[in-house]
Each structure stands twice: as structure tokens, then as C-alpha cells.
All heavy atoms as atom14 arrays in JSON, in Angstrom:
{
  "sequence": "GGPIAILIVGTISPEIIGGTGADEVWRGLATVAGSWIGGGANQTA",
  "atom14_mask": [
    [1, 1, 1, 1, 0, 0, 0, 0, 0, 0, 0, 0, 0, 0],
    [1, 1, 1, 1, 0, 0, 0, 0, 0, 0, 0, 0, 0, 0],
    [1, 1, 1, 1, 1, 1, 1, 0, 0, 0, 0, 0, 0, 0],
    [1, 1, 1, 1, 1, 1, 1, 1, 0, 0, 0, 0, 0, 0],
    [1, 1, 1, 1, 1, 0, 0, 0, 0, 0, 0, 0, 0, 0],
    [1, 1, 1, 1, 1, 1, 1, 1, 0, 0, 0, 0, 0, 0],
    [1, 1, 1, 1, 1, 1, 1, 1, 0, 0, 0, 0, 0, 0],
    [1, 1, 1, 1, 1, 1, 1, 1, 0, 0, 0, 0, 0, 0],
    [1, 1, 1, 1, 1, 1, 1, 0, 0, 0, 0, 0, 0, 0],
    [1, 1, 1, 1, 0, 0, 0, 0, 0, 0, 0, 0, 0, 0],
    [1, 1, 1, 1, 1, 1, 1, 0, 0, 0, 0, 0, 0, 0],
    [1, 1, 1, 1, 1, 1, 1, 1, 0, 0, 0, 0, 0, 0],
    [1, 1, 1, 1, 1, 1, 0, 0, 0, 0, 0, 0, 0, 0],
    [1, 1, 1, 1, 1, 1, 1, 0, 0, 0, 0, 0, 0, 0],
    [1, 1, 1, 1, 1, 1, 1, 1, 1, 0, 0, 0, 0, 0],
    [1, 1, 1, 1, 1, 1, 1, 1, 0, 0, 0, 0, 0, 0],
    [1, 1, 1, 1, 1, 1, 1, 1, 0, 0, 0, 0, 0, 0],
    [1, 1, 1, 1, 0, 0, 0, 0, 0, 0, 0, 0, 0, 0],
    [1, 1, 1, 1, 0, 0, 0, 0, 0, 0, 0, 0, 0, 0],
    [1, 1, 1, 1, 1, 1, 1, 0, 0, 0, 0, 0, 0, 0],
    [1, 1, 1, 1, 0, 0, 0, 0, 0, 0, 0, 0, 0, 0],
    [1, 1, 1, 1, 1, 0, 0, 0, 0, 0, 0, 0, 0, 0],
    [1, 1, 1, 1, 1, 1, 1, 1, 0, 0, 0, 0, 0, 0],
    [1, 1, 1, 1, 1, 1, 1, 1, 1, 0, 0, 0, 0, 0],
    [1, 1, 1, 1, 1, 1, 1, 0, 0, 0, 0, 0, 0, 0],
    [1, 1, 1, 1, 1, 1, 1, 1, 1, 1, 1, 1, 1, 1],
    [1, 1, 1, 1, 1, 1, 1, 1, 1, 1, 1, 0, 0, 0],
    [1, 1, 1, 1, 0, 0, 0, 0, 0, 0, 0, 0, 0, 0],
    [1, 1, 1, 1, 1, 1, 1, 1, 0, 0, 0, 0, 0, 0],
    [1, 1, 1, 1, 1, 0, 0, 0, 0, 0, 0, 0, 0, 0],
    [1, 1, 1, 1, 1, 1, 1, 0, 0, 0, 0, 0, 0, 0],
    [1, 1, 1, 1, 1, 1, 1, 0, 0, 0, 0, 0, 0, 0],
    [1, 1, 1, 1, 1, 0, 0, 0, 0, 0, 0, 0, 0, 0],
    [1, 1, 1, 1, 0, 0, 0, 0, 0, 0, 0, 0, 0, 0],
    [1, 1, 1, 1, 1, 1, 0, 0, 0, 0, 0, 0, 0, 0],
    [1, 1, 1, 1, 1, 1, 1, 1, 1, 1, 1, 1, 1, 1],
    [1, 1, 1, 1, 1, 1, 1, 1, 0, 0, 0, 0, 0, 0],
    [1, 1, 1, 1, 0, 0, 0, 0, 0, 0, 0, 0, 0, 0],
    [1, 1, 1, 1, 0, 0, 0, 0, 0, 0, 0, 0, 0, 0],
    [1, 1, 1, 1, 0, 0, 0, 0, 0, 0, 0, 0, 0, 0],
    [1, 1, 1, 1, 1, 0, 0, 0, 0, 0, 0, 0, 0, 0],
    [1, 1, 1, 1, 1, 1, 1, 1, 0, 0, 0, 0, 0, 0],
    [1, 1, 1, 1, 1, 1, 1, 1, 1, 0, 0, 0, 0, 0],
    [1, 1, 1, 1, 1, 1, 1, 0, 0, 0, 0, 0, 0, 0],
    [1, 1, 1, 1, 1, 0, 0, 0, 0, 0, 0, 0, 0, 0]
  ],
  "atom14_positions": [
    [[133.52, 46.85, 67.9], [132.1, 46.68, 68.18], [131.37, 47.98, 68.4], [130.21, 48.13, 67.98], [0.0, 0.0, 0.0], [0.0, 0.0, 0.0], [0.0, 0.0, 0.0], [0.0, 0.0, 0.0], [0.0, 0.0, 0.0], [0.0, 0.0, 0.0], [0.0, 0.0, 0.0], [0.0, 0.0, 0.0], [0.0, 0.0, 0.0], [0.0, 0.0, 0.0]],
    [[132.01, 48.94, 69.07], [131.38, 50.23, 69.35], [130.96, 50.97, 68.09], [129.77, 51.28, 67.89], [0.0, 0.0, 0.0], [0.0, 0.0, 0.0], [0.0, 0.0, 0.0], [0.0, 0.0, 0.0], [0.0, 0.0, 0.0], [0.0, 0.0, 0.0], [0.0, 0.0, 0.0], [0.0, 0.0, 0.0], [0.0, 0.0, 0.0], [0.0, 0.0, 0.0]],
    [[131.93, 51.25, 67.19], [131.56, 51.96, 65.95], [130.59, 51.18, 65.07], [129.7, 51.76, 64.46], [132.9, 52.19, 65.24], [133.91, 51.36, 65.97], [133.39, 51.15, 67.35], [0.0, 0.0, 0.0], [0.0, 0.0, 0.0], [0.0, 0.0, 0.0], [0.0, 0.0, 0.0], [0.0, 0.0, 0.0], [0.0, 0.0, 0.0], [0.0, 0.0, 0.0]],
    [[130.73, 49.85, 65.02], [129.81, 49.04, 64.21], [128.4, 49.11, 64.79], [127.42, 49.23, 64.05], [130.3, 47.57, 64.12], [131.6, 47.5, 63.33], [129.23, 46.7, 63.45], [132.23, 46.12, 63.3], [0.0, 0.0, 0.0], [0.0, 0.0, 0.0], [0.0, 0.0, 0.0], [0.0, 0.0, 0.0], [0.0, 0.0, 0.0], [0.0, 0.0, 0.0]],
    [[128.31, 49.05, 66.11], [127.0, 49.14, 66.77], [126.34, 50.48, 66.48], [125.12, 50.55, 66.25], [127.15, 48.94, 68.28], [0.0, 0.0, 0.0], [0.0, 0.0, 0.0], [0.0, 0.0, 0.0], [0.0, 0.0, 0.0], [0.0, 0.0, 0.0], [0.0, 0.0, 0.0], [0.0, 0.0, 0.0], [0.0, 0.0, 0.0], [0.0, 0.0, 0.0]],
    [[127.11, 51.56, 66.49], [126.57, 52.89, 66.18], [126.04, 52.92, 64.75], [124.96, 53.47, 64.48], [127.65, 53.98, 66.39], [127.84, 54.22, 67.89], [127.25, 55.28, 65.69], [128.9, 55.26, 68.21], [0.0, 0.0, 0.0], [0.0, 0.0, 0.0], [0.0, 0.0, 0.0], [0.0, 0.0, 0.0], [0.0, 0.0, 0.0], [0.0, 0.0, 0.0]],
    [[126.8, 52.33, 63.81], [126.36, 52.31, 62.41], [125.06, 51.51, 62.26], [124.14, 51.95, 61.57], [127.45, 51.68, 61.53], [128.66, 52.57, 61.21], [129.73, 51.77, 60.47], [128.23, 53.77, 60.36], [0.0, 0.0, 0.0], [0.0, 0.0, 0.0], [0.0, 0.0, 0.0], [0.0, 0.0, 0.0], [0.0, 0.0, 0.0], [0.0, 0.0, 0.0]],
    [[124.98, 50.36, 62.92], [123.79, 49.5, 62.79], [122.57, 50.18, 63.42], [121.51, 50.31, 62.79], [124.04, 48.13, 63.46], [125.1, 47.34, 62.67], [122.73, 47.33, 63.54], [125.55, 46.06, 63.35], [0.0, 0.0, 0.0], [0.0, 0.0, 0.0], [0.0, 0.0, 0.0], [0.0, 0.0, 0.0], [0.0, 0.0, 0.0], [0.0, 0.0, 0.0]],
    [[122.72, 50.61, 64.67], [121.59, 51.23, 65.38], [121.23, 52.57, 64.75], [120.05, 52.91, 64.63], [121.93, 51.4, 66.88], [120.8, 52.14, 67.6], [122.17, 50.05, 67.53], [0.0, 0.0, 0.0], [0.0, 0.0, 0.0], [0.0, 0.0, 0.0], [0.0, 0.0, 0.0], [0.0, 0.0, 0.0], [0.0, 0.0, 0.0], [0.0, 0.0, 0.0]],
    [[122.25, 53.33, 64.31], [122.0, 54.63, 63.68], [121.24, 54.52, 62.38], [120.44, 55.4, 62.04], [0.0, 0.0, 0.0], [0.0, 0.0, 0.0], [0.0, 0.0, 0.0], [0.0, 0.0, 0.0], [0.0, 0.0, 0.0], [0.0, 0.0, 0.0], [0.0, 0.0, 0.0], [0.0, 0.0, 0.0], [0.0, 0.0, 0.0], [0.0, 0.0, 0.0]],
    [[121.48, 53.42, 61.65], [120.76, 53.19, 60.39], [119.29, 52.93, 60.65], [118.41, 53.4, 59.93], [121.38, 52.0, 59.63], [122.76, 52.28, 59.38], [120.66, 51.77, 58.31], [0.0, 0.0, 0.0], [0.0, 0.0, 0.0], [0.0, 0.0, 0.0], [0.0, 0.0, 0.0], [0.0, 0.0, 0.0], [0.0, 0.0, 0.0], [0.0, 0.0, 0.0]],
    [[119.01, 52.17, 61.71], [117.64, 51.79, 62.04], [116.91, 52.92, 62.77], [115.74, 53.22, 62.48], [117.62, 50.51, 62.91], [118.26, 49.36, 62.13], [116.2, 50.16, 63.35], [118.54, 48.13, 62.97], [0.0, 0.0, 0.0], [0.0, 0.0, 0.0], [0.0, 0.0, 0.0], [0.0, 0.0, 0.0], [0.0, 0.0, 0.0], [0.0, 0.0, 0.0]],
    [[117.6, 53.54, 63.73], [116.97, 54.58, 64.55], [117.98, 55.71, 64.82], [118.64, 55.72, 65.87], [116.48, 53.96, 65.86], [115.81, 54.91, 66.65], [0.0, 0.0, 0.0], [0.0, 0.0, 0.0], [0.0, 0.0, 0.0], [0.0, 0.0, 0.0], [0.0, 0.0, 0.0], [0.0, 0.0, 0.0], [0.0, 0.0, 0.0], [0.0, 0.0, 0.0]],
    [[118.13, 56.66, 63.89], [119.15, 57.7, 63.99], [119.07, 58.56, 65.26], [120.09, 59.04, 65.74], [118.89, 58.57, 62.74], [118.13, 57.69, 61.81], [117.33, 56.78, 62.67], [0.0, 0.0, 0.0], [0.0, 0.0, 0.0], [0.0, 0.0, 0.0], [0.0, 0.0, 0.0], [0.0, 0.0, 0.0], [0.0, 0.0, 0.0], [0.0, 0.0, 0.0]],
    [[117.87, 58.74, 65.81], [117.73, 59.62, 66.98], [118.46, 59.08, 68.21], [118.84, 59.84, 69.11], [116.25, 59.85, 67.31], [115.48, 58.64, 67.83], [114.97, 57.73, 66.73], [115.26, 58.01, 65.54], [114.28, 56.75, 67.05], [0.0, 0.0, 0.0], [0.0, 0.0, 0.0], [0.0, 0.0, 0.0], [0.0, 0.0, 0.0], [0.0, 0.0, 0.0]],
    [[118.68, 57.76, 68.27], [119.34, 57.15, 69.44], [120.8, 57.58, 69.53], [121.34, 57.78, 70.63], [119.25, 55.6, 69.38], [117.79, 55.17, 69.53], [120.1, 54.96, 70.49], [117.59, 53.66, 69.43], [0.0, 0.0, 0.0], [0.0, 0.0, 0.0], [0.0, 0.0, 0.0], [0.0, 0.0, 0.0], [0.0, 0.0, 0.0], [0.0, 0.0, 0.0]],
    [[121.46, 57.75, 68.39], [122.9, 58.06, 68.41], [123.18, 59.55, 68.24], [124.3, 59.95, 67.97], [123.65, 57.27, 67.32], [123.16, 57.68, 65.92], [123.49, 55.78, 67.53], [124.1, 57.32, 64.82], [0.0, 0.0, 0.0], [0.0, 0.0, 0.0], [0.0, 0.0, 0.0], [0.0, 0.0, 0.0], [0.0, 0.0, 0.0], [0.0, 0.0, 0.0]],
    [[122.17, 60.38, 68.41], [122.32, 61.83, 68.21], [122.95, 62.53, 69.4], [123.85, 62.04, 70.05], [0.0, 0.0, 0.0], [0.0, 0.0, 0.0], [0.0, 0.0, 0.0], [0.0, 0.0, 0.0], [0.0, 0.0, 0.0], [0.0, 0.0, 0.0], [0.0, 0.0, 0.0], [0.0, 0.0, 0.0], [0.0, 0.0, 0.0], [0.0, 0.0, 0.0]],
    [[122.42, 63.72, 69.68], [122.95, 64.54, 70.77], [123.92, 65.58, 70.27], [124.52, 65.45, 69.19], [0.0, 0.0, 0.0], [0.0, 0.0, 0.0], [0.0, 0.0, 0.0], [0.0, 0.0, 0.0], [0.0, 0.0, 0.0], [0.0, 0.0, 0.0], [0.0, 0.0, 0.0], [0.0, 0.0, 0.0], [0.0, 0.0, 0.0], [0.0, 0.0, 0.0]],
    [[124.08, 66.66, 71.05], [125.03, 67.71, 70.7], [125.92, 68.03, 71.89], [125.54, 67.84, 73.05], [124.28, 69.0, 70.28], [123.4, 69.4, 71.35], [123.46, 68.77, 69.03], [0.0, 0.0, 0.0], [0.0, 0.0, 0.0], [0.0, 0.0, 0.0], [0.0, 0.0, 0.0], [0.0, 0.0, 0.0], [0.0, 0.0, 0.0], [0.0, 0.0, 0.0]],
    [[127.12, 68.51, 71.57], [128.04, 68.92, 72.63], [128.36, 67.78, 73.59], [128.69, 66.67, 73.18], [0.0, 0.0, 0.0], [0.0, 0.0, 0.0], [0.0, 0.0, 0.0], [0.0, 0.0, 0.0], [0.0, 0.0, 0.0], [0.0, 0.0, 0.0], [0.0, 0.0, 0.0], [0.0, 0.0, 0.0], [0.0, 0.0, 0.0], [0.0, 0.0, 0.0]],
    [[128.21, 68.05, 74.88], [128.54, 67.05, 75.91], [127.54, 65.9, 75.93], [127.79, 64.87, 76.57], [128.57, 67.71, 77.29], [0.0, 0.0, 0.0], [0.0, 0.0, 0.0], [0.0, 0.0, 0.0], [0.0, 0.0, 0.0], [0.0, 0.0, 0.0], [0.0, 0.0, 0.0], [0.0, 0.0, 0.0], [0.0, 0.0, 0.0], [0.0, 0.0, 0.0]],
    [[126.42, 66.06, 75.22], [125.4, 65.0, 75.18], [125.52, 64.12, 73.94], [124.63, 63.29, 73.68], [124.0, 65.6, 75.24], [123.65, 66.09, 76.64], [123.93, 65.35, 77.61], [123.13, 67.2, 76.77], [0.0, 0.0, 0.0], [0.0, 0.0, 0.0], [0.0, 0.0, 0.0], [0.0, 0.0, 0.0], [0.0, 0.0, 0.0], [0.0, 0.0, 0.0]],
    [[126.58, 64.28, 73.16], [126.79, 63.4, 72.01], [126.99, 61.98, 72.53], [127.85, 61.73, 73.37], [128.01, 63.85, 71.21], [127.79, 65.15, 70.43], [129.04, 65.59, 69.71], [129.99, 66.02, 70.39], [129.07, 65.51, 68.48], [0.0, 0.0, 0.0], [0.0, 0.0, 0.0], [0.0, 0.0, 0.0], [0.0, 0.0, 0.0], [0.0, 0.0, 0.0]],
    [[126.19, 61.07, 72.0], [126.17, 59.7, 72.55], [127.53, 59.02, 72.47], [127.91, 58.28, 73.37], [125.08, 58.88, 71.82], [125.17, 57.4, 72.21], [123.7, 59.42, 72.14], [0.0, 0.0, 0.0], [0.0, 0.0, 0.0], [0.0, 0.0, 0.0], [0.0, 0.0, 0.0], [0.0, 0.0, 0.0], [0.0, 0.0, 0.0], [0.0, 0.0, 0.0]],
    [[128.29, 59.27, 71.4], [129.58, 58.6, 71.26], [130.53, 58.96, 72.41], [131.39, 58.14, 72.79], [130.24, 58.94, 69.91], [130.7, 60.37, 69.77], [129.99, 61.41, 69.24], [131.96, 60.92, 70.18], [130.73, 62.57, 69.29], [131.94, 62.3, 69.85], [133.1, 60.39, 70.77], [133.02, 63.14, 70.11], [134.19, 61.22, 71.04], [134.13, 62.59, 70.7]],
    [[130.37, 60.15, 73.01], [131.22, 60.54, 74.14], [130.94, 59.63, 75.35], [131.87, 59.2, 76.05], [130.95, 62.0, 74.54], [131.36, 63.01, 73.48], [131.09, 64.44, 73.96], [131.32, 65.41, 72.9], [132.52, 65.95, 72.64], [133.56, 65.65, 73.37], [132.64, 66.82, 71.65], [0.0, 0.0, 0.0], [0.0, 0.0, 0.0], [0.0, 0.0, 0.0]],
    [[129.67, 59.35, 75.58], [129.33, 58.44, 76.67], [129.79, 57.02, 76.39], [130.3, 56.32, 77.28], [0.0, 0.0, 0.0], [0.0, 0.0, 0.0], [0.0, 0.0, 0.0], [0.0, 0.0, 0.0], [0.0, 0.0, 0.0], [0.0, 0.0, 0.0], [0.0, 0.0, 0.0], [0.0, 0.0, 0.0], [0.0, 0.0, 0.0], [0.0, 0.0, 0.0]],
    [[129.65, 56.59, 75.12], [130.08, 55.24, 74.75], [131.58, 55.07, 74.87], [132.07, 53.95, 75.08], [129.62, 54.92, 73.32], [128.1, 54.81, 73.11], [127.78, 54.68, 71.63], [127.54, 53.62, 73.89], [0.0, 0.0, 0.0], [0.0, 0.0, 0.0], [0.0, 0.0, 0.0], [0.0, 0.0, 0.0], [0.0, 0.0, 0.0], [0.0, 0.0, 0.0]],
    [[132.32, 56.16, 74.76], [133.78, 56.09, 74.95], [134.12, 55.59, 76.35], [135.08, 54.84, 76.54], [134.41, 57.47, 74.7], [0.0, 0.0, 0.0], [0.0, 0.0, 0.0], [0.0, 0.0, 0.0], [0.0, 0.0, 0.0], [0.0, 0.0, 0.0], [0.0, 0.0, 0.0], [0.0, 0.0, 0.0], [0.0, 0.0, 0.0], [0.0, 0.0, 0.0]],
    [[133.33, 56.0, 77.34], [133.58, 55.55, 78.71], [133.27, 54.07, 78.87], [133.92, 53.37, 79.65], [132.76, 56.36, 79.74], [131.37, 56.1, 79.57], [133.01, 57.85, 79.58], [0.0, 0.0, 0.0], [0.0, 0.0, 0.0], [0.0, 0.0, 0.0], [0.0, 0.0, 0.0], [0.0, 0.0, 0.0], [0.0, 0.0, 0.0], [0.0, 0.0, 0.0]],
    [[132.27, 53.58, 78.11], [131.97, 52.14, 78.14], [133.13, 51.36, 77.53], [133.52, 50.31, 78.05], [130.66, 51.84, 77.36], [130.39, 50.34, 77.33], [129.49, 52.59, 77.99], [0.0, 0.0, 0.0], [0.0, 0.0, 0.0], [0.0, 0.0, 0.0], [0.0, 0.0, 0.0], [0.0, 0.0, 0.0], [0.0, 0.0, 0.0], [0.0, 0.0, 0.0]],
    [[133.7, 51.89, 76.44], [134.87, 51.24, 75.82], [136.02, 51.15, 76.82], [136.7, 50.13, 76.91], [135.3, 52.01, 74.58], [0.0, 0.0, 0.0], [0.0, 0.0, 0.0], [0.0, 0.0, 0.0], [0.0, 0.0, 0.0], [0.0, 0.0, 0.0], [0.0, 0.0, 0.0], [0.0, 0.0, 0.0], [0.0, 0.0, 0.0], [0.0, 0.0, 0.0]],
    [[136.23, 52.22, 77.59], [137.29, 52.22, 78.6], [137.07, 51.14, 79.63], [137.99, 50.42, 80.02], [0.0, 0.0, 0.0], [0.0, 0.0, 0.0], [0.0, 0.0, 0.0], [0.0, 0.0, 0.0], [0.0, 0.0, 0.0], [0.0, 0.0, 0.0], [0.0, 0.0, 0.0], [0.0, 0.0, 0.0], [0.0, 0.0, 0.0], [0.0, 0.0, 0.0]],
    [[135.82, 50.99, 80.06], [135.49, 49.99, 81.07], [135.61, 48.58, 80.52], [136.14, 47.68, 81.18], [134.06, 50.23, 81.57], [133.67, 49.23, 82.48], [0.0, 0.0, 0.0], [0.0, 0.0, 0.0], [0.0, 0.0, 0.0], [0.0, 0.0, 0.0], [0.0, 0.0, 0.0], [0.0, 0.0, 0.0], [0.0, 0.0, 0.0], [0.0, 0.0, 0.0]],
    [[135.15, 48.36, 79.28], [135.1, 47.01, 78.71], [136.44, 46.52, 78.2], [136.64, 45.32, 78.03], [134.06, 46.96, 77.59], [132.65, 46.91, 78.12], [132.26, 46.94, 79.43], [131.44, 46.83, 77.35], [130.9, 46.89, 79.52], [130.36, 46.82, 78.26], [131.17, 46.77, 75.99], [129.04, 46.75, 77.84], [129.86, 46.7, 75.57], [128.8, 46.69, 76.48]],
    [[137.37, 47.42, 77.91], [138.7, 46.98, 77.49], [139.63, 46.89, 78.7], [140.45, 45.99, 78.81], [139.3, 47.9, 76.41], [138.43, 47.87, 75.14], [140.73, 47.49, 76.06], [138.85, 48.85, 74.07], [0.0, 0.0, 0.0], [0.0, 0.0, 0.0], [0.0, 0.0, 0.0], [0.0, 0.0, 0.0], [0.0, 0.0, 0.0], [0.0, 0.0, 0.0]],
    [[139.48, 47.82, 79.62], [140.36, 47.83, 80.8], [139.59, 47.69, 82.09], [139.38, 46.6, 82.6], [0.0, 0.0, 0.0], [0.0, 0.0, 0.0], [0.0, 0.0, 0.0], [0.0, 0.0, 0.0], [0.0, 0.0, 0.0], [0.0, 0.0, 0.0], [0.0, 0.0, 0.0], [0.0, 0.0, 0.0], [0.0, 0.0, 0.0], [0.0, 0.0, 0.0]],
    [[139.14, 48.81, 82.62], [138.43, 48.78, 83.9], [138.04, 50.17, 84.33], [138.0, 51.11, 83.52], [0.0, 0.0, 0.0], [0.0, 0.0, 0.0], [0.0, 0.0, 0.0], [0.0, 0.0, 0.0], [0.0, 0.0, 0.0], [0.0, 0.0, 0.0], [0.0, 0.0, 0.0], [0.0, 0.0, 0.0], [0.0, 0.0, 0.0], [0.0, 0.0, 0.0]],
    [[137.77, 50.32, 85.61], [137.29, 51.6, 86.14], [138.24, 52.76, 85.89], [137.81, 53.87, 85.58], [0.0, 0.0, 0.0], [0.0, 0.0, 0.0], [0.0, 0.0, 0.0], [0.0, 0.0, 0.0], [0.0, 0.0, 0.0], [0.0, 0.0, 0.0], [0.0, 0.0, 0.0], [0.0, 0.0, 0.0], [0.0, 0.0, 0.0], [0.0, 0.0, 0.0]],
    [[139.55, 52.51, 86.02], [140.53, 53.58, 85.82], [140.53, 54.05, 84.37], [140.62, 55.25, 84.08], [141.92, 53.11, 86.22], [0.0, 0.0, 0.0], [0.0, 0.0, 0.0], [0.0, 0.0, 0.0], [0.0, 0.0, 0.0], [0.0, 0.0, 0.0], [0.0, 0.0, 0.0], [0.0, 0.0, 0.0], [0.0, 0.0, 0.0], [0.0, 0.0, 0.0]],
    [[140.41, 53.09, 83.44], [140.39, 53.43, 82.02], [139.09, 54.15, 81.66], [139.08, 55.06, 80.82], [140.54, 52.17, 81.17], [141.73, 51.33, 81.6], [141.57, 50.43, 82.4], [142.9, 51.63, 81.09], [0.0, 0.0, 0.0], [0.0, 0.0, 0.0], [0.0, 0.0, 0.0], [0.0, 0.0, 0.0], [0.0, 0.0, 0.0], [0.0, 0.0, 0.0]],
    [[138.0, 53.77, 82.31], [136.73, 54.44, 82.11], [136.82, 55.9, 82.56], [136.34, 56.8, 81.87], [135.63, 53.72, 82.89], [134.24, 54.3, 82.67], [133.18, 53.52, 83.43], [133.39, 53.13, 84.58], [132.04, 53.29, 82.8], [0.0, 0.0, 0.0], [0.0, 0.0, 0.0], [0.0, 0.0, 0.0], [0.0, 0.0, 0.0], [0.0, 0.0, 0.0]],
    [[137.46, 56.11, 83.7], [137.65, 57.47, 84.22], [138.51, 58.3, 83.27], [138.25, 59.49, 83.06], [138.31, 57.42, 85.61], [137.48, 56.65, 86.49], [138.47, 58.81, 86.19], [0.0, 0.0, 0.0], [0.0, 0.0, 0.0], [0.0, 0.0, 0.0], [0.0, 0.0, 0.0], [0.0, 0.0, 0.0], [0.0, 0.0, 0.0], [0.0, 0.0, 0.0]],
    [[139.52, 57.66, 82.69], [140.38, 58.35, 81.73], [139.57, 58.84, 80.53], [139.73, 59.98, 80.08], [141.51, 57.43, 81.27], [0.0, 0.0, 0.0], [0.0, 0.0, 0.0], [0.0, 0.0, 0.0], [0.0, 0.0, 0.0], [0.0, 0.0, 0.0], [0.0, 0.0, 0.0], [0.0, 0.0, 0.0], [0.0, 0.0, 0.0], [0.0, 0.0, 0.0]]
  ]
}
């Protein structure tokens, strides 16, 4: 769902999924994936 959501939203509004370095949006979304598959510890990882 994460990568598909990026493709869908990025096609419609590319600026939402942008960012550089530590502000690259996919880096933040990785923590959401950790939380939604496991929990707080996985999010921290």
C-alpha cells in the first residue's frame, strides 16, 4: 500500500512526495510502515 499510494498521489500531486535528504517523504512513511505492520518498537527501528 505504501509504494502504491506514493505512485498514485505522486502522479496527481508530485510536490507532496518530494523532499531532499532527511526530508524525503518516503523516509517518514517508512516509520508509518513500521507502526502499521508491527508497533512502536518497529516504528522506532
